[in-house]
Protein backbone atom coordinates (compact mmCIF):
# COMPACT_ATOMS: atom_id res chain seq x y z
CA UNK A 1 11.13 22.13 -19.09
CA UNK A 2 8.28 20.57 -18.18
CA UNK A 3 6.00 22.30 -15.31
CA UNK A 4 3.15 19.82 -15.32
CA UNK A 5 3.50 18.02 -12.58
CA UNK A 6 1.64 14.96 -13.37
CA UNK A 7 2.39 13.66 -16.79
CA UNK A 8 3.50 10.63 -19.13
CA UNK A 9 7.10 10.29 -21.12
CA UNK A 10 8.48 7.31 -22.52
CA UNK A 11 5.75 6.64 -24.55
CA UNK A 12 2.63 6.38 -22.35
CA UNK A 13 5.37 3.68 -20.85
CA UNK A 14 5.61 6.48 -17.34
CA UNK A 15 3.43 8.23 -15.52
CA UNK A 16 5.61 10.74 -13.63
CA UNK A 17 3.29 11.90 -10.30
CA UNK A 18 4.25 15.63 -8.76
CA UNK A 19 1.10 16.39 -7.26
CA UNK A 20 -1.24 14.49 -5.64
CA UNK A 21 -3.37 11.37 -6.63
CA UNK A 22 -6.85 11.66 -5.44
CA UNK A 23 -9.28 8.23 -6.01
CA UNK A 24 -12.82 9.07 -5.29
CA UNK A 25 -16.03 7.03 -5.82
CA UNK A 26 -16.14 4.11 -6.94
CA UNK A 27 -11.93 4.83 -8.07
CA UNK A 28 -9.76 2.12 -6.65
CA UNK A 29 -5.86 1.57 -7.16
CA UNK A 30 -4.99 -2.58 -8.23
CA UNK A 31 -2.12 -4.24 -8.57
CA UNK A 32 -1.78 -7.36 -10.86
CA UNK A 33 -5.56 -6.97 -10.24
CA UNK A 34 -5.96 -6.54 -6.60
CA UNK A 35 -7.09 -3.74 -4.86
CA UNK A 36 -5.02 -1.98 -2.56
CA UNK A 37 -6.12 -0.48 0.32
CA UNK A 38 -5.20 1.51 3.31
CA UNK A 39 -3.84 -1.56 5.85
CA UNK A 40 -6.29 -1.83 9.39
CA UNK A 41 -4.21 0.17 11.76
CA UNK A 42 -1.73 -1.88 14.13
CA UNK A 43 -1.08 -0.60 18.06
CA UNK A 44 1.66 -0.03 18.87
CA UNK A 45 3.90 -3.28 20.61
CA UNK A 46 4.46 -3.72 23.90
CA UNK A 47 5.31 -6.92 23.93
CA UNK A 48 7.42 -7.99 26.58
CA UNK A 49 8.39 -11.22 25.21
CA UNK A 50 9.32 -12.42 22.30
CA UNK A 51 5.98 -14.73 21.95
CA UNK A 52 4.24 -11.53 22.73
CA UNK A 53 6.75 -9.38 19.75
CA UNK A 54 6.06 -12.34 17.49
CA UNK A 55 2.50 -12.49 18.14
CA UNK A 56 2.61 -8.42 17.22
CA UNK A 57 4.17 -8.93 14.44
CA UNK A 58 2.09 -11.51 13.04
CA UNK A 59 -0.82 -9.04 13.13
CA UNK A 60 0.57 -6.49 10.92
CA UNK A 61 1.41 -8.85 8.25
CA UNK A 62 -2.00 -10.14 8.25
CA UNK A 63 -2.86 -6.88 7.72
CA UNK A 64 -0.43 -5.69 5.21
CA UNK A 65 -1.83 -8.64 3.53
CA UNK A 66 -5.47 -8.13 3.61
CA UNK A 67 -5.18 -4.56 2.79
CA UNK A 68 -3.11 -6.07 -0.37
CA UNK A 69 0.10 -4.69 0.16
CA UNK A 70 1.82 -7.69 0.64
CA UNK A 71 1.80 -10.64 -1.19
CA UNK A 72 0.20 -13.63 0.51
CA UNK A 73 2.10 -17.15 0.00
CA UNK A 74 0.91 -18.97 -2.65
């Protein structure tokens, strides 16, 4: 039985995290070379029309892409 919360398995191909990852100072998470960071806040929508809802939704997509949490269309 493994009681270590964070460990490698499958000859190092898999890193299992059962604890916490703390990224400090100059540390960063990347995906295919793109740094991931928290997305900017998106206010709750108060849209009363489809056009306004579309605008709110597109703002959310823009923020997710800017944070690296969503790929940008090429």
